[in-house]
Amino acid sequence: MATLTALPEVAEAIAGRMPVLFDGGIRRGTEVFKALALGADAVCIGRAFCYGLAAFGEEGVVKALEILNRELHDVMQLAGTPNLKAIGAANVRRRP
């Protein structure tokens, strides 16, 4: 089962007793948005970090984080979510 597919069930089982960290190969801001919408409290961005580091060292990491942040900001605007707390399950459609 894909990590993103399992996320809502895990978040429901945890029921706020501890933070849910999503580590599923995040590469884009849209993926951050989906993970937050499906119940993650935070996402791990190791892949983007490593790509930036391998390409351009410290500057590459900064650039990768800037890109993720910009993409997340853009998708939040398109979805009409003014802040991270406003992102929720209603912002995504799940396949049956």
PDB file of N, CA and C in Angstrom:
ATOM      1  N   MET A   1       0.849  -1.173   0.000  1.00  0.00           N
ATOM      2  CA  MET A   1       0.000   0.000   0.000  1.00  0.00           C
ATOM      3  C   MET A   1       0.896   1.239   0.000  1.00  0.00           C
ATOM      4  N   ALA A   2       0.524   2.196  -0.818  1.00  0.00           N
ATOM      5  CA  ALA A   2       1.281   3.447  -0.876  1.00  0.00           C
ATOM      6  C   ALA A   2       1.138   4.212   0.438  1.00  0.00           C
ATOM      7  N   THR A   3       2.169   4.933   0.795  1.00  0.00           N
ATOM      8  CA  THR A   3       2.166   5.704   2.038  1.00  0.00           C
ATOM      9  C   THR A   3       1.009   6.682   2.078  1.00  0.00           C
ATOM     10  N   LEU A   4       0.766   7.369   0.970  1.00  0.00           N
ATOM     11  CA  LEU A   4      -0.320   8.346   0.911  1.00  0.00           C
ATOM     12  C   LEU A   4      -1.683   7.684   1.055  1.00  0.00           C
ATOM     13  N   THR A   5      -1.819   6.476   0.547  1.00  0.00           N
ATOM     14  CA  THR A   5      -3.078   5.730   0.666  1.00  0.00           C
ATOM     15  C   THR A   5      -3.339   5.339   2.120  1.00  0.00           C
ATOM     16  N   ALA A   6      -2.293   4.978   2.837  1.00  0.00           N
ATOM     17  CA  ALA A   6      -2.429   4.553   4.233  1.00  0.00           C
ATOM     18  C   ALA A   6      -2.595   5.722   5.195  1.00  0.00           C
ATOM     19  N   LEU A   7      -2.185   6.901   4.791  1.00  0.00           N
ATOM     20  CA  LEU A   7      -2.141   8.055   5.693  1.00  0.00           C
ATOM     21  C   LEU A   7      -3.463   8.363   6.402  1.00  0.00           C
ATOM     22  N   PRO A   8      -4.600   8.446   5.708  1.00  0.00           N
ATOM     23  CA  PRO A   8      -5.844   8.781   6.424  1.00  0.00           C
ATOM     24  C   PRO A   8      -6.196   7.777   7.521  1.00  0.00           C
ATOM     25  N   GLU A   9      -5.968   6.513   7.250  1.00  0.00           N
ATOM     26  CA  GLU A   9      -6.262   5.474   8.240  1.00  0.00           C
ATOM     27  C   GLU A   9      -5.335   5.597   9.457  1.00  0.00           C
ATOM     28  N   VAL A  10      -4.076   5.880   9.206  1.00  0.00           N
ATOM     29  CA  VAL A  10      -3.114   6.052  10.300  1.00  0.00           C
ATOM     30  C   VAL A  10      -3.493   7.275  11.132  1.00  0.00           C
ATOM     31  N   ALA A  11      -3.777   8.391  10.465  1.00  0.00           N
ATOM     32  CA  ALA A  11      -4.143   9.620  11.181  1.00  0.00           C
ATOM     33  C   ALA A  11      -5.395   9.407  12.025  1.00  0.00           C
ATOM     34  N   GLU A  12      -6.344   8.667  11.484  1.00  0.00           N
ATOM     35  CA  GLU A  12      -7.575   8.387  12.241  1.00  0.00           C
ATOM     36  C   GLU A  12      -7.278   7.519  13.459  1.00  0.00           C
ATOM     37  N   ALA A  13      -6.433   6.513  13.299  1.00  0.00           N
ATOM     38  CA  ALA A  13      -6.086   5.625  14.411  1.00  0.00           C
ATOM     39  C   ALA A  13      -5.322   6.369  15.506  1.00  0.00           C
ATOM     40  N   ILE A  14      -4.457   7.292  15.115  1.00  0.00           N
ATOM     41  CA  ILE A  14      -3.673   8.073  16.082  1.00  0.00           C
ATOM     42  C   ILE A  14      -4.566   9.048  16.836  1.00  0.00           C
ATOM     43  N   ALA A  15      -5.565   9.601  16.137  1.00  0.00           N
ATOM     44  CA  ALA A  15      -6.578  10.491  16.733  1.00  0.00           C
ATOM     45  C   ALA A  15      -5.970  11.637  17.546  1.00  0.00           C
ATOM     46  N   GLY A  16      -4.893  12.227  17.035  1.00  0.00           N
ATOM     47  CA  GLY A  16      -4.316  13.387  17.691  1.00  0.00           C
ATOM     48  C   GLY A  16      -3.479  13.103  18.924  1.00  0.00           C
ATOM     49  N   ARG A  17      -3.275  11.826  19.266  1.00  0.00           N
ATOM     50  CA  ARG A  17      -2.493  11.502  20.464  1.00  0.00           C
ATOM     51  C   ARG A  17      -1.004  11.801  20.298  1.00  0.00           C
ATOM     52  N   MET A  18      -0.558  11.868  19.048  1.00  0.00           N
ATOM     53  CA  MET A  18       0.832  12.221  18.752  1.00  0.00           C
ATOM     54  C   MET A  18       0.866  12.777  17.334  1.00  0.00           C
ATOM     55  N   PRO A  19       1.896  13.525  17.003  1.00  0.00           N
ATOM     56  CA  PRO A  19       1.987  14.071  15.646  1.00  0.00           C
ATOM     57  C   PRO A  19       2.190  12.960  14.618  1.00  0.00           C
ATOM     58  N   VAL A  20       1.583  13.126  13.465  1.00  0.00           N
ATOM     59  CA  VAL A  20       1.767  12.199  12.352  1.00  0.00           C
ATOM     60  C   VAL A  20       2.739  12.845  11.371  1.00  0.00           C
ATOM     61  N   LEU A  21       3.896  12.214  11.189  1.00  0.00           N
ATOM     62  CA  LEU A  21       4.901  12.686  10.247  1.00  0.00           C
ATOM     63  C   LEU A  21       4.810  11.846   8.992  1.00  0.00           C
ATOM     64  N   PHE A  22       4.715  12.484   7.856  1.00  0.00           N
ATOM     65  CA  PHE A  22       4.604  11.780   6.582  1.00  0.00           C
ATOM     66  C   PHE A  22       5.957  11.746   5.903  1.00  0.00           C
ATOM     67  N   ASP A  23       6.440  10.554   5.593  1.00  0.00           N
ATOM     68  CA  ASP A  23       7.713  10.398   4.910  1.00  0.00           C
ATOM     69  C   ASP A  23       7.485   9.469   3.733  1.00  0.00           C
ATOM     70  N   GLY A  24       7.096  10.051   2.627  1.00  0.00           N
ATOM     71  CA  GLY A  24       6.763   9.227   1.474  1.00  0.00           C
ATOM     72  C   GLY A  24       7.382   9.721   0.187  1.00  0.00           C
ATOM     73  N   GLY A  25       8.579  10.242   0.231  1.00  0.00           N
ATOM     74  CA  GLY A  25       9.247  10.669  -0.986  1.00  0.00           C
ATOM     75  C   GLY A  25       8.703  11.974  -1.545  1.00  0.00           C
ATOM     76  N   ILE A  26       8.447  12.934  -0.697  1.00  0.00           N
ATOM     77  CA  ILE A  26       7.921  14.237  -1.122  1.00  0.00           C
ATOM     78  C   ILE A  26       8.886  14.890  -2.114  1.00  0.00           C
ATOM     79  N   ARG A  27       8.355  15.273  -3.271  1.00  0.00           N
ATOM     80  CA  ARG A  27       9.158  15.949  -4.283  1.00  0.00           C
ATOM     81  C   ARG A  27       8.563  17.281  -4.711  1.00  0.00           C
ATOM     82  N   ARG A  28       7.282  17.504  -4.447  1.00  0.00           N
ATOM     83  CA  ARG A  28       6.601  18.717  -4.904  1.00  0.00           C
ATOM     84  C   ARG A  28       5.731  19.301  -3.801  1.00  0.00           C
ATOM     85  N   GLY A  29       5.452  20.587  -3.938  1.00  0.00           N
ATOM     86  CA  GLY A  29       4.568  21.255  -2.990  1.00  0.00           C
ATOM     87  C   GLY A  29       3.161  20.683  -2.999  1.00  0.00           C
ATOM     88  N   THR A  30       2.708  20.196  -4.153  1.00  0.00           N
ATOM     89  CA  THR A  30       1.376  19.581  -4.212  1.00  0.00           C
ATOM     90  C   THR A  30       1.319  18.323  -3.356  1.00  0.00           C
ATOM     91  N   GLU A  31       2.429  17.606  -3.275  1.00  0.00           N
ATOM     92  CA  GLU A  31       2.470  16.403  -2.445  1.00  0.00           C
ATOM     93  C   GLU A  31       2.446  16.762  -0.964  1.00  0.00           C
ATOM     94  N   VAL A  32       3.081  17.874  -0.604  1.00  0.00           N
ATOM     95  CA  VAL A  32       3.010  18.369   0.777  1.00  0.00           C
ATOM     96  C   VAL A  32       1.558  18.676   1.115  1.00  0.00           C
ATOM     97  N   PHE A  33       0.882  19.379   0.210  1.00  0.00           N
ATOM     98  CA  PHE A  33      -0.515  19.754   0.408  1.00  0.00           C
ATOM     99  C   PHE A  33      -1.397  18.515   0.604  1.00  0.00           C
ATOM    100  N   LYS A  34      -1.236  17.520  -0.258  1.00  0.00           N
ATOM    101  CA  LYS A  34      -2.036  16.290  -0.155  1.00  0.00           C
ATOM    102  C   LYS A  34      -1.816  15.595   1.181  1.00  0.00           C
ATOM    103  N   ALA A  35      -0.546  15.492   1.594  1.00  0.00           N
ATOM    104  CA  ALA A  35      -0.245  14.819   2.858  1.00  0.00           C
ATOM    105  C   ALA A  35      -0.885  15.552   4.036  1.00  0.00           C
ATOM    106  N   LEU A  36      -0.805  16.880   4.030  1.00  0.00           N
ATOM    107  CA  LEU A  36      -1.427  17.648   5.103  1.00  0.00           C
ATOM    108  C   LEU A  36      -2.944  17.496   5.068  1.00  0.00           C
ATOM    109  N   ALA A  37      -3.515  17.486   3.870  1.00  0.00           N
ATOM    110  CA  ALA A  37      -4.967  17.341   3.728  1.00  0.00           C
ATOM    111  C   ALA A  37      -5.460  15.984   4.213  1.00  0.00           C
ATOM    112  N   LEU A  38      -4.633  14.967   4.072  1.00  0.00           N
ATOM    113  CA  LEU A  38      -5.045  13.613   4.447  1.00  0.00           C
ATOM    114  C   LEU A  38      -4.679  13.233   5.877  1.00  0.00           C
ATOM    115  N   GLY A  39      -4.165  14.196   6.652  1.00  0.00           N
ATOM    116  CA  GLY A  39      -3.984  13.923   8.073  1.00  0.00           C
ATOM    117  C   GLY A  39      -2.597  14.069   8.642  1.00  0.00           C
ATOM    118  N   ALA A  40      -1.591  14.337   7.818  1.00  0.00           N
ATOM    119  CA  ALA A  40      -0.238  14.518   8.350  1.00  0.00           C
ATOM    120  C   ALA A  40      -0.142  15.841   9.087  1.00  0.00           C
ATOM    121  N   ASP A  41       0.622  15.852  10.151  1.00  0.00           N
ATOM    122  CA  ASP A  41       0.903  17.091  10.870  1.00  0.00           C
ATOM    123  C   ASP A  41       2.145  17.780  10.299  1.00  0.00           C
ATOM    124  N   ALA A  42       3.012  17.000   9.691  1.00  0.00           N
ATOM    125  CA  ALA A  42       4.231  17.517   9.076  1.00  0.00           C
ATOM    126  C   ALA A  42       4.708  16.514   8.038  1.00  0.00           C
ATOM    127  N   VAL A  43       5.560  16.977   7.134  1.00  0.00           N
ATOM    128  CA  VAL A  43       6.112  16.077   6.124  1.00  0.00           C
ATOM    129  C   VAL A  43       7.639  16.108   6.205  1.00  0.00           C
ATOM    130  N   CYS A  44       8.252  14.990   5.871  1.00  0.00           N
ATOM    131  CA  CYS A  44       9.705  14.888   5.816  1.00  0.00           C
ATOM    132  C   CYS A  44      10.122  15.105   4.362  1.00  0.00           C
ATOM    133  N   ILE A  45      11.168  15.852   4.160  1.00  0.00           N
ATOM    134  CA  ILE A  45      11.544  16.215   2.794  1.00  0.00           C
ATOM    135  C   ILE A  45      12.967  15.777   2.460  1.00  0.00           C
ATOM    136  N   GLY A  46      13.324  14.608   2.874  1.00  0.00           N
ATOM    137  CA  GLY A  46      14.678  14.105   2.659  1.00  0.00           C
ATOM    138  C   GLY A  46      15.076  14.025   1.204  1.00  0.00           C
ATOM    139  N   ARG A  47      14.155  13.608   0.344  1.00  0.00           N
ATOM    140  CA  ARG A  47      14.500  13.452  -1.066  1.00  0.00           C
ATOM    141  C   ARG A  47      14.843  14.808  -1.692  1.00  0.00           C
ATOM    142  N   ALA A  48      13.986  15.795  -1.500  1.00  0.00           N
ATOM    143  CA  ALA A  48      14.246  17.126  -2.059  1.00  0.00           C
ATOM    144  C   ALA A  48      15.547  17.701  -1.491  1.00  0.00           C
ATOM    145  N   PHE A  49      15.757  17.492  -0.210  1.00  0.00           N
ATOM    146  CA  PHE A  49      16.979  17.950   0.456  1.00  0.00           C
ATOM    147  C   PHE A  49      18.195  17.310  -0.206  1.00  0.00           C
ATOM    148  N   CYS A  50      18.153  16.001  -0.410  1.00  0.00           N
ATOM    149  CA  CYS A  50      19.295  15.281  -0.995  1.00  0.00           C
ATOM    150  C   CYS A  50      19.549  15.689  -2.437  1.00  0.00           C
ATOM    151  N   TYR A  51      18.474  15.883  -3.223  1.00  0.00           N
ATOM    152  CA  TYR A  51      18.650  16.318  -4.610  1.00  0.00           C
ATOM    153  C   TYR A  51      19.337  17.684  -4.657  1.00  0.00           C
ATOM    154  N   GLY A  52      18.871  18.606  -3.830  1.00  0.00           N
ATOM    155  CA  GLY A  52      19.479  19.933  -3.797  1.00  0.00           C
ATOM    156  C   GLY A  52      20.921  19.885  -3.352  1.00  0.00           C
ATOM    157  N   LEU A  53      21.193  19.088  -2.321  1.00  0.00           N
ATOM    158  CA  LEU A  53      22.553  18.960  -1.800  1.00  0.00           C
ATOM    159  C   LEU A  53      23.486  18.364  -2.852  1.00  0.00           C
ATOM    160  N   ALA A  54      23.032  17.329  -3.532  1.00  0.00           N
ATOM    161  CA  ALA A  54      23.870  16.678  -4.538  1.00  0.00           C
ATOM    162  C   ALA A  54      24.151  17.601  -5.721  1.00  0.00           C
ATOM    163  N   ALA A  55      23.160  18.419  -6.073  1.00  0.00           N
ATOM    164  CA  ALA A  55      23.325  19.271  -7.247  1.00  0.00           C
ATOM    165  C   ALA A  55      24.182  20.507  -6.972  1.00  0.00           C
ATOM    166  N   PHE A  56      23.908  21.198  -5.860  1.00  0.00           N
ATOM    167  CA  PHE A  56      24.560  22.487  -5.641  1.00  0.00           C
ATOM    168  C   PHE A  56      24.971  22.736  -4.189  1.00  0.00           C
ATOM    169  N   GLY A  57      25.090  21.679  -3.405  1.00  0.00           N
ATOM    170  CA  GLY A  57      25.520  21.847  -2.023  1.00  0.00           C
ATOM    171  C   GLY A  57      24.492  22.602  -1.197  1.00  0.00           C
ATOM    172  N   GLU A  58      24.980  23.414  -0.270  1.00  0.00           N
ATOM    173  CA  GLU A  58      24.093  24.152   0.632  1.00  0.00           C
ATOM    174  C   GLU A  58      23.122  25.047  -0.141  1.00  0.00           C
ATOM    175  N   GLU A  59      23.608  25.716  -1.175  1.00  0.00           N
ATOM    176  CA  GLU A  59      22.733  26.571  -1.979  1.00  0.00           C
ATOM    177  C   GLU A  59      21.625  25.764  -2.640  1.00  0.00           C
ATOM    178  N   GLY A  60      21.933  24.547  -3.027  1.00  0.00           N
ATOM    179  CA  GLY A  60      20.929  23.674  -3.640  1.00  0.00           C
ATOM    180  C   GLY A  60      19.838  23.289  -2.658  1.00  0.00           C
ATOM    181  N   VAL A  61      20.212  23.068  -1.410  1.00  0.00           N
ATOM    182  CA  VAL A  61      19.218  22.745  -0.376  1.00  0.00           C
ATOM    183  C   VAL A  61      18.292  23.936  -0.158  1.00  0.00           C
ATOM    184  N   VAL A  62      18.877  25.126  -0.064  1.00  0.00           N
ATOM    185  CA  VAL A  62      18.072  26.343   0.112  1.00  0.00           C
ATOM    186  C   VAL A  62      17.117  26.497  -1.063  1.00  0.00           C
ATOM    187  N   LYS A  63      17.610  26.294  -2.279  1.00  0.00           N
ATOM    188  CA  LYS A  63      16.772  26.431  -3.480  1.00  0.00           C
ATOM    189  C   LYS A  63      15.663  25.377  -3.487  1.00  0.00           C
ATOM    190  N   ALA A  64      15.975  24.156  -3.127  1.00  0.00           N
ATOM    191  CA  ALA A  64      14.956  23.103  -3.089  1.00  0.00           C
ATOM    192  C   ALA A  64      13.849  23.457  -2.099  1.00  0.00           C
ATOM    193  N   LEU A  65      14.223  23.972  -0.933  1.00  0.00           N
ATOM    194  CA  LEU A  65      13.227  24.376   0.061  1.00  0.00           C
ATOM    195  C   LEU A  65      12.396  25.549  -0.433  1.00  0.00           C
ATOM    196  N   GLU A  66      13.032  26.488  -1.118  1.00  0.00           N
ATOM    197  CA  GLU A  66      12.299  27.626  -1.680  1.00  0.00           C
ATOM    198  C   GLU A  66      11.280  27.162  -2.720  1.00  0.00           C
ATOM    199  N   ILE A  67      11.683  26.211  -3.563  1.00  0.00           N
ATOM    200  CA  ILE A  67      10.773  25.689  -4.584  1.00  0.00           C
ATOM    201  C   ILE A  67       9.585  24.988  -3.933  1.00  0.00           C
ATOM    202  N   LEU A  68       9.848  24.124  -2.960  1.00  0.00           N
ATOM    203  CA  LEU A  68       8.753  23.435  -2.262  1.00  0.00           C
ATOM    204  C   LEU A  68       7.807  24.437  -1.604  1.00  0.00           C
ATOM    205  N   ASN A  69       8.367  25.438  -0.964  1.00  0.00           N
ATOM    206  CA  ASN A  69       7.555  26.445  -0.299  1.00  0.00           C
ATOM    207  C   ASN A  69       6.691  27.213  -1.307  1.00  0.00           C
ATOM    208  N   ARG A  70       7.285  27.602  -2.430  1.00  0.00           N
ATOM    209  CA  ARG A  70       6.538  28.327  -3.460  1.00  0.00           C
ATOM    210  C   ARG A  70       5.422  27.466  -4.044  1.00  0.00           C
ATOM    211  N   GLU A  71       5.733  26.209  -4.330  1.00  0.00           N
ATOM    212  CA  GLU A  71       4.710  25.307  -4.871  1.00  0.00           C
ATOM    213  C   GLU A  71       3.573  25.097  -3.885  1.00  0.00           C
ATOM    214  N   LEU A  72       3.909  24.921  -2.607  1.00  0.00           N
ATOM    215  CA  LEU A  72       2.877  24.758  -1.590  1.00  0.00           C
ATOM    216  C   LEU A  72       2.027  26.022  -1.502  1.00  0.00           C
ATOM    217  N   HIS A  73       2.649  27.157  -1.508  1.00  0.00           N
ATOM    218  CA  HIS A  73       1.925  28.436  -1.467  1.00  0.00           C
ATOM    219  C   HIS A  73       0.977  28.552  -2.657  1.00  0.00           C
ATOM    220  N   ASP A  74       1.454  28.193  -3.856  1.00  0.00           N
ATOM    221  CA  ASP A  74       0.625  28.277  -5.061  1.00  0.00           C
ATOM    222  C   ASP A  74      -0.596  27.365  -4.975  1.00  0.00           C
ATOM    223  N   VAL A  75      -0.402  26.125  -4.551  1.00  0.00           N
ATOM    224  CA  VAL A  75      -1.529  25.203  -4.471  1.00  0.00           C
ATOM    225  C   VAL A  75      -2.499  25.614  -3.373  1.00  0.00           C
ATOM    226  N   MET A  76      -1.990  26.184  -2.299  1.00  0.00           N
ATOM    227  CA  MET A  76      -2.876  26.688  -1.244  1.00  0.00           C
ATOM    228  C   MET A  76      -3.755  27.812  -1.782  1.00  0.00           C
ATOM    229  N   GLN A  77      -3.179  28.710  -2.580  1.00  0.00           N
ATOM    230  CA  GLN A  77      -3.965  29.782  -3.178  1.00  0.00           C
ATOM    231  C   GLN A  77      -5.025  29.221  -4.116  1.00  0.00           C
ATOM    232  N   LEU A  78      -4.648  28.267  -4.947  1.00  0.00           N
ATOM    233  CA  LEU A  78      -5.600  27.673  -5.889  1.00  0.00           C
ATOM    234  C   LEU A  78      -6.734  26.950  -5.168  1.00  0.00           C
ATOM    235  N   ALA A  79      -6.435  26.378  -4.004  1.00  0.00           N
ATOM    236  CA  ALA A  79      -7.444  25.647  -3.234  1.00  0.00           C
ATOM    237  C   ALA A  79      -8.239  26.561  -2.302  1.00  0.00           C
ATOM    238  N   GLY A  80      -7.828  27.805  -2.194  1.00  0.00           N
ATOM    239  CA  GLY A  80      -8.530  28.741  -1.321  1.00  0.00           C
ATOM    240  C   GLY A  80      -8.267  28.515   0.153  1.00  0.00           C
ATOM    241  N   THR A  81      -7.094  28.011   0.466  1.00  0.00           N
ATOM    242  CA  THR A  81      -6.729  27.779   1.863  1.00  0.00           C
ATOM    243  C   THR A  81      -5.756  28.872   2.303  1.00  0.00           C
ATOM    244  N   PRO A  82      -6.177  29.761   3.208  1.00  0.00           N
ATOM    245  CA  PRO A  82      -5.354  30.904   3.583  1.00  0.00           C
ATOM    246  C   PRO A  82      -4.167  30.568   4.486  1.00  0.00           C
ATOM    247  N   ASN A  83      -4.205  29.399   5.133  1.00  0.00           N
ATOM    248  CA  ASN A  83      -3.107  29.000   6.015  1.00  0.00           C
ATOM    249  C   ASN A  83      -3.077  27.476   6.121  1.00  0.00           C
ATOM    250  N   LEU A  84      -2.053  26.953   6.741  1.00  0.00           N
ATOM    251  CA  LEU A  84      -1.888  25.498   6.832  1.00  0.00           C
ATOM    252  C   LEU A  84      -3.030  24.837   7.601  1.00  0.00           C
ATOM    253  N   LYS A  85      -3.543  25.493   8.617  1.00  0.00           N
ATOM    254  CA  LYS A  85      -4.636  24.918   9.417  1.00  0.00           C
ATOM    255  C   LYS A  85      -5.907  24.725   8.600  1.00  0.00           C
ATOM    256  N   ALA A  86      -6.053  25.504   7.520  1.00  0.00           N
ATOM    257  CA  ALA A  86      -7.257  25.422   6.689  1.00  0.00           C
ATOM    258  C   ALA A  86      -7.220  24.247   5.714  1.00  0.00           C
ATOM    259  N   ILE A  87      -6.083  23.590   5.577  1.00  0.00           N
ATOM    260  CA  ILE A  87      -5.970  22.447   4.675  1.00  0.00           C
ATOM    261  C   ILE A  87      -6.605  21.237   5.354  1.00  0.00           C
ATOM    262  N   GLY A  88      -7.526  20.585   4.654  1.00  0.00           N
ATOM    263  CA  GLY A  88      -8.190  19.425   5.230  1.00  0.00           C
ATOM    264  C   GLY A  88      -8.674  18.460   4.157  1.00  0.00           C
ATOM    265  N   ALA A  89      -9.323  17.408   4.598  1.00  0.00           N
ATOM    266  CA  ALA A  89      -9.771  16.342   3.703  1.00  0.00           C
ATOM    267  C   ALA A  89     -10.691  16.849   2.599  1.00  0.00           C
ATOM    268  N   ALA A  90     -11.413  17.923   2.842  1.00  0.00           N
ATOM    269  CA  ALA A  90     -12.307  18.465   1.824  1.00  0.00           C
ATOM    270  C   ALA A  90     -11.534  19.032   0.629  1.00  0.00           C
ATOM    271  N   ASN A  91     -10.241  19.238   0.779  1.00  0.00           N
ATOM    272  CA  ASN A  91      -9.423  19.790  -0.295  1.00  0.00           C
ATOM    273  C   ASN A  91      -8.905  18.751  -1.271  1.00  0.00           C
ATOM    274  N   VAL A  92      -9.118  17.484  -0.987  1.00  0.00           N
ATOM    275  CA  VAL A  92      -8.662  16.425  -1.885  1.00  0.00           C
ATOM    276  C   VAL A  92      -9.785  15.418  -2.106  1.00  0.00           C
ATOM    277  N   ARG A  93      -9.758  14.788  -3.255  1.00  0.00           N
ATOM    278  CA  ARG A  93     -10.695  13.713  -3.552  1.00  0.00           C
ATOM    279  C   ARG A  93      -9.933  12.410  -3.571  1.00  0.00           C
ATOM    280  N   ARG A  94     -10.449  11.413  -2.864  1.00  0.00           N
ATOM    281  CA  ARG A  94      -9.788  10.106  -2.828  1.00  0.00           C
ATOM    282  C   ARG A  94     -10.512   9.146  -3.733  1.00  0.00           C
ATOM    283  N   ARG A  95      -9.756   8.314  -4.398  1.00  0.00           N
ATOM    284  CA  ARG A  95     -10.352   7.278  -5.241  1.00  0.00           C
ATOM    285  C   ARG A  95     -10.976   6.212  -4.352  1.00  0.00           C
ATOM    286  N   PRO A  96     -12.100   5.663  -4.797  1.00  0.00           N
ATOM    287  CA  PRO A  96     -12.725   4.592  -3.993  1.00  0.00           C
ATOM    288  C   PRO A  96     -11.886   3.326  -3.946  1.00  0.00           C
TER     289      PRO A  96
END
